[in-house]
């Protein structure tokens, strides 16, 4: 039920929850109300037992152009650190730490902290006309929402620093070439294509999705020794699961497996 939400929409279809930002008049710029709603919807998706994959989107006009500058530039400025840590960070942490894969579906711009949300998701699908825009330095600010962390790891120091200080719009095709995006999809039928992709993920073994995400994220900061040990410990869990046995049976019976997340 969405009667308490006016700036976001939550829909579930065949194991996929789609959270849509709905502030089109401001191109989904984040104000206090939108931040509050989005956090609630993220928590809802995490608690929803019917959901295996989450799609985060802003609809056809824009993913999000970042923080609402009308709100952000109201005094007192000294509160911005608390706002980032107390309101944005819980959402970003929840996406990164979720047991479920998050897919950013980007049409139009993903700018400022809107770009940070897109980069925080586990996968990013972009429409042909979409772009990422590190809109920080051009307005006299520094990156936030983890943008620096994501860009340096994806691009390396020099290209990440260049992207940040130049503040250039990075089109979808270039994002794909740089490894920032996973797919570029035609604008016509974009939403349907994203949902079909997410449904395909939702058909995979939930435990394998969950632990693969955990391993991939920890590997960015782990040693090889630690990574091998983490893989071994989690493999010990998955190999004993009902889903692993189901996959083997389905292979020999030449049918598609049906996974339960156990």
Protein backbone atom coordinates (compact mmCIF):
# COMPACT_ATOMS: atom_id res chain seq x y z
CA UNK A 1 0.00 0.00 0.00
CA UNK A 2 1.30 3.43 -0.96
CA UNK A 3 -1.21 5.79 0.64
CA UNK A 4 1.45 7.21 2.95
CA UNK A 5 3.90 7.86 0.10
CA UNK A 6 3.55 10.72 -2.34
CA UNK A 7 7.13 11.09 -3.64
CA UNK A 8 7.94 7.41 -4.17
CA UNK A 9 6.19 4.36 -5.57
CA UNK A 10 6.75 0.72 -4.55
CA UNK A 11 5.69 -2.10 -6.85
CA UNK A 12 6.43 -5.83 -6.74
CA UNK A 13 6.30 -8.07 -9.80
CA UNK A 14 7.56 -11.67 -9.80
CA UNK A 15 10.17 -11.20 -7.12
CA UNK A 16 11.26 -7.74 -8.24
CA UNK A 17 10.52 -4.61 -6.20
CA UNK A 18 10.69 -1.37 -8.18
CA UNK A 19 11.18 1.79 -6.13
CA UNK A 20 10.45 4.86 -8.23
CA UNK A 21 11.32 8.40 -7.20
CA UNK A 22 8.35 10.61 -8.04
CA UNK A 23 9.29 14.25 -7.82
CA UNK A 24 9.35 15.02 -11.56
CA UNK A 25 8.85 18.78 -11.20
CA UNK A 26 12.27 18.89 -9.49
CA UNK A 27 13.81 16.07 -11.58
CA UNK A 28 13.79 13.94 -8.44
CA UNK A 29 16.04 16.28 -6.46
CA UNK A 30 16.27 15.12 -2.87
CA UNK A 31 14.48 17.17 -0.26
CA UNK A 32 13.73 16.08 3.31
CA UNK A 33 10.45 14.41 2.39
CA UNK A 34 11.96 12.39 -0.46
CA UNK A 35 14.85 11.26 1.72
CA UNK A 36 12.46 10.08 4.39
CA UNK A 37 10.26 8.19 1.94
CA UNK A 38 13.13 6.54 0.11
CA UNK A 39 14.65 5.22 3.33
CA UNK A 40 11.29 3.76 4.30
CA UNK A 41 10.89 2.10 0.90
CA UNK A 42 14.40 0.63 1.00
CA UNK A 43 13.67 -0.85 4.41
CA UNK A 44 10.36 -2.15 3.09
CA UNK A 45 12.11 -3.95 0.23
CA UNK A 46 14.61 -5.51 2.62
CA UNK A 47 11.83 -6.83 4.85
CA UNK A 48 9.60 -7.99 1.98
CA UNK A 49 9.95 -11.76 1.76
CA UNK A 50 8.54 -11.80 -1.78
CA UNK A 51 11.38 -9.60 -3.06
CA UNK A 52 14.64 -11.01 -4.38
CA UNK A 53 15.84 -8.06 -6.50
CA UNK A 54 15.29 -4.31 -6.14
CA UNK A 55 15.21 -1.80 -8.98
CA UNK A 56 15.77 1.86 -8.10
CA UNK A 57 14.64 4.32 -10.75
CA UNK A 58 13.46 7.85 -11.27
CA UNK A 59 11.24 7.21 -14.26
CA UNK A 60 11.67 8.52 -17.78
CA UNK A 61 12.64 12.14 -17.07
CA UNK A 62 15.57 11.76 -14.68
CA UNK A 63 17.09 9.36 -12.19
CA UNK A 64 17.90 12.21 -9.79
CA UNK A 65 19.72 15.51 -10.18
CA UNK A 66 20.99 15.28 -6.61
CA UNK A 67 20.25 17.40 -3.57
CA UNK A 68 17.58 20.06 -3.81
CA UNK A 69 19.72 23.21 -3.85
CA UNK A 70 16.82 25.33 -2.61
CA UNK A 71 16.88 23.29 0.56
CA UNK A 72 20.64 22.59 0.74
CA UNK A 73 21.66 26.23 0.59
CA UNK A 74 19.33 27.37 3.34
CA UNK A 75 21.22 28.19 6.55
CA UNK A 76 22.64 26.91 8.80
CA UNK A 77 25.29 25.39 6.54
CA UNK A 78 27.09 23.71 9.45
CA UNK A 79 24.29 21.15 9.57
CA UNK A 80 25.15 19.63 6.18
CA UNK A 81 27.60 17.12 7.67
CA UNK A 82 24.93 15.80 9.99
CA UNK A 83 22.39 15.70 7.17
CA UNK A 84 24.71 13.58 4.99
CA UNK A 85 25.60 11.21 7.82
CA UNK A 86 22.14 10.95 9.37
CA UNK A 87 19.86 10.99 6.31
CA UNK A 88 21.79 10.02 3.17
CA UNK A 89 24.29 7.57 4.63
CA UNK A 90 21.67 5.21 6.13
CA UNK A 91 20.09 4.81 2.68
CA UNK A 92 23.41 4.26 0.92
CA UNK A 93 24.55 1.82 3.62
CA UNK A 94 21.25 -0.07 3.36
CA UNK A 95 21.66 -0.51 -0.40
CA UNK A 96 25.29 -1.59 -0.14
CA UNK A 97 24.62 -3.88 2.80
CA UNK A 98 21.36 -5.37 1.58
CA UNK A 99 21.17 -9.11 1.08
CA UNK A 100 19.42 -8.38 -2.23
CA UNK A 101 20.93 -7.02 -5.45
CA UNK A 102 20.00 -3.45 -6.33
CA UNK A 103 19.74 -2.39 -9.97
CA UNK A 104 19.91 1.32 -10.81
CA UNK A 105 17.72 2.05 -13.85
CA UNK A 106 18.97 5.42 -15.13
CA UNK A 107 17.10 7.53 -17.65
CA UNK A 108 18.15 11.14 -18.10
CA UNK A 109 20.64 12.56 -15.60
CA UNK A 110 22.03 10.97 -12.45
CA UNK A 111 23.83 13.95 -10.96
CA UNK A 112 25.43 14.89 -7.66
CA UNK A 113 24.34 12.59 -4.89
CA UNK A 114 21.86 11.12 -7.38
CA UNK A 115 24.92 9.78 -9.19
CA UNK A 116 26.18 8.44 -5.86
CA UNK A 117 22.97 6.45 -5.42
CA UNK A 118 23.29 5.00 -8.92
CA UNK A 119 26.91 4.03 -8.31
CA UNK A 120 26.07 2.48 -4.93
CA UNK A 121 23.63 0.05 -6.53
CA UNK A 122 25.14 -3.30 -7.47
CA UNK A 123 24.31 -2.97 -11.15
CA UNK A 124 23.47 -0.04 -13.43
CA UNK A 125 21.36 -0.11 -16.58
CA UNK A 126 21.26 3.14 -18.55
CA UNK A 127 19.05 4.44 -21.33
CA UNK A 128 20.85 5.73 -24.41
CA UNK A 129 20.27 9.39 -23.50
CA UNK A 130 21.18 8.96 -19.82
CA UNK A 131 24.34 10.33 -18.28
CA UNK A 132 26.26 10.59 -15.01
CA UNK A 133 27.31 14.02 -13.83
CA UNK A 134 29.62 14.73 -10.91
CA UNK A 135 27.95 18.05 -10.27
CA UNK A 136 30.00 19.05 -7.24
CA UNK A 137 33.09 21.07 -8.15
CA UNK A 138 31.18 23.13 -10.77
CA UNK A 139 29.09 24.59 -7.94
CA UNK A 140 32.01 24.93 -5.51
CA UNK A 141 31.44 21.72 -3.56
CA UNK A 142 33.26 18.44 -3.00
CA UNK A 143 31.86 14.98 -3.81
CA UNK A 144 29.60 13.30 -1.30
CA UNK A 145 27.54 10.15 -0.89
CA UNK A 146 30.57 7.95 -1.57
CA UNK A 147 31.09 9.26 -5.12
CA UNK A 148 34.86 9.48 -4.61
CA UNK A 149 35.09 5.90 -3.34
CA UNK A 150 33.12 4.48 -6.28
CA UNK A 151 34.82 6.50 -9.00
CA UNK A 152 38.38 5.85 -7.82
CA UNK A 153 37.74 2.11 -7.69
CA UNK A 154 36.05 2.03 -11.08
CA UNK A 155 38.28 4.46 -12.98
CA UNK A 156 41.55 4.67 -11.08
CA UNK A 157 42.82 7.81 -9.38
CA UNK A 158 43.67 10.01 -12.36
CA UNK A 159 40.48 9.46 -14.35
CA UNK A 160 38.33 9.67 -11.22
CA UNK A 161 39.92 12.96 -10.17
CA UNK A 162 39.51 14.27 -13.70
CA UNK A 163 35.81 13.33 -13.71
CA UNK A 164 35.31 15.09 -10.39
CA UNK A 165 37.13 18.35 -11.10
CA UNK A 166 35.97 18.74 -14.70
CA UNK A 167 32.35 18.04 -13.81
CA UNK A 168 31.72 16.69 -17.30
CA UNK A 169 28.55 14.83 -18.16
CA UNK A 170 29.51 11.23 -18.92
CA UNK A 171 27.11 9.77 -21.50
CA UNK A 172 25.75 6.25 -21.19
CA UNK A 173 27.95 4.74 -23.91
CA UNK A 174 31.08 6.08 -22.22
CA UNK A 175 29.85 4.86 -18.82
CA UNK A 176 29.58 1.38 -20.32
CA UNK A 177 33.08 1.57 -21.79
CA UNK A 178 34.52 2.78 -18.48
CA UNK A 179 32.85 0.04 -16.46
CA UNK A 180 30.47 2.38 -14.62
CA UNK A 181 27.39 0.85 -16.27
CA UNK A 182 26.50 -2.74 -17.09
CA UNK A 183 24.21 -2.21 -20.07
CA UNK A 184 22.94 0.56 -22.31
CA UNK A 185 19.37 0.02 -23.44
CA UNK A 186 17.25 1.79 -26.04
CA UNK A 187 14.98 4.41 -24.52
CA UNK A 188 11.90 2.90 -26.12
CA UNK A 189 10.84 0.03 -23.92
CA UNK A 190 13.51 0.82 -21.31
CA UNK A 191 11.37 0.10 -18.25
CA UNK A 192 10.16 -3.22 -19.64
CA UNK A 193 13.71 -4.26 -20.51
CA UNK A 194 14.95 -3.40 -17.01
CA UNK A 195 12.13 -5.37 -15.41
CA UNK A 196 12.84 -8.38 -17.63
CA UNK A 197 16.52 -8.24 -16.67
CA UNK A 198 15.68 -7.98 -12.96
CA UNK A 199 13.22 -10.88 -13.20
CA UNK A 200 16.00 -12.97 -14.70
CA UNK A 201 18.15 -12.21 -11.65
CA UNK A 202 15.25 -13.01 -9.34
CA UNK A 203 15.11 -16.53 -10.79
CA UNK A 204 18.64 -17.25 -9.57
CA UNK A 205 19.45 -18.79 -6.21
CA UNK A 206 18.92 -16.11 -3.53
CA UNK A 207 21.71 -17.37 -1.28
CA UNK A 208 24.17 -17.34 -4.17
CA UNK A 209 23.10 -13.80 -5.10
CA UNK A 210 23.40 -12.65 -1.50
CA UNK A 211 26.81 -14.13 -0.78
CA UNK A 212 28.26 -13.23 -4.18
CA UNK A 213 27.35 -9.60 -3.46
CA UNK A 214 28.94 -9.86 -0.02
CA UNK A 215 32.13 -11.35 -1.47
CA UNK A 216 32.41 -8.88 -4.35
CA UNK A 217 32.00 -5.87 -2.10
CA UNK A 218 34.45 -7.10 0.51
CA UNK A 219 36.97 -8.09 -2.18
CA UNK A 220 37.47 -4.43 -3.13
CA UNK A 221 39.25 -3.87 0.17
CA UNK A 222 40.41 -7.38 1.09
CA UNK A 223 43.67 -9.24 0.61
CA UNK A 224 43.75 -12.30 -1.64
CA UNK A 225 44.21 -14.49 1.42
CA UNK A 226 41.16 -13.01 3.13
CA UNK A 227 39.10 -13.30 -0.04
CA UNK A 228 39.89 -16.99 -0.47
CA UNK A 229 39.01 -17.64 3.16
CA UNK A 230 35.72 -15.73 2.88
CA UNK A 231 34.82 -17.62 -0.30
CA UNK A 232 35.54 -20.95 1.38
CA UNK A 233 33.37 -20.14 4.39
CA UNK A 234 30.41 -19.04 2.28
CA UNK A 235 30.83 -21.92 -0.16
CA UNK A 236 30.45 -24.19 2.84
CA UNK A 237 27.01 -22.65 3.40
CA UNK A 238 25.78 -22.64 -0.18
CA UNK A 239 26.91 -26.18 -1.07
CA UNK A 240 24.77 -27.52 1.78
CA UNK A 241 21.70 -25.54 0.71
CA UNK A 242 18.53 -26.99 -0.79
CA UNK A 243 18.97 -24.65 -3.73
CA UNK A 244 22.35 -26.18 -4.59
CA UNK A 245 20.84 -29.67 -4.51
CA UNK A 246 17.95 -28.44 -6.64
CA UNK A 247 20.36 -27.00 -9.21
CA UNK A 248 22.18 -30.34 -9.55
CA UNK A 249 18.91 -32.27 -9.85
CA UNK A 250 17.61 -29.81 -12.46
CA UNK A 251 20.84 -30.19 -14.44
CA UNK A 252 20.51 -33.97 -14.68
CA UNK A 253 16.76 -33.77 -15.31
CA UNK A 254 17.35 -31.17 -18.04
CA UNK A 255 14.92 -28.61 -16.61
CA UNK A 256 15.09 -25.12 -15.18
CA UNK A 257 15.79 -25.06 -11.43
CA UNK A 258 13.29 -23.58 -9.00
CA UNK A 259 15.09 -21.82 -6.15
CA UNK A 260 13.61 -21.14 -2.72
CA UNK A 261 16.43 -19.30 -0.98
CA UNK A 262 17.17 -22.18 1.38
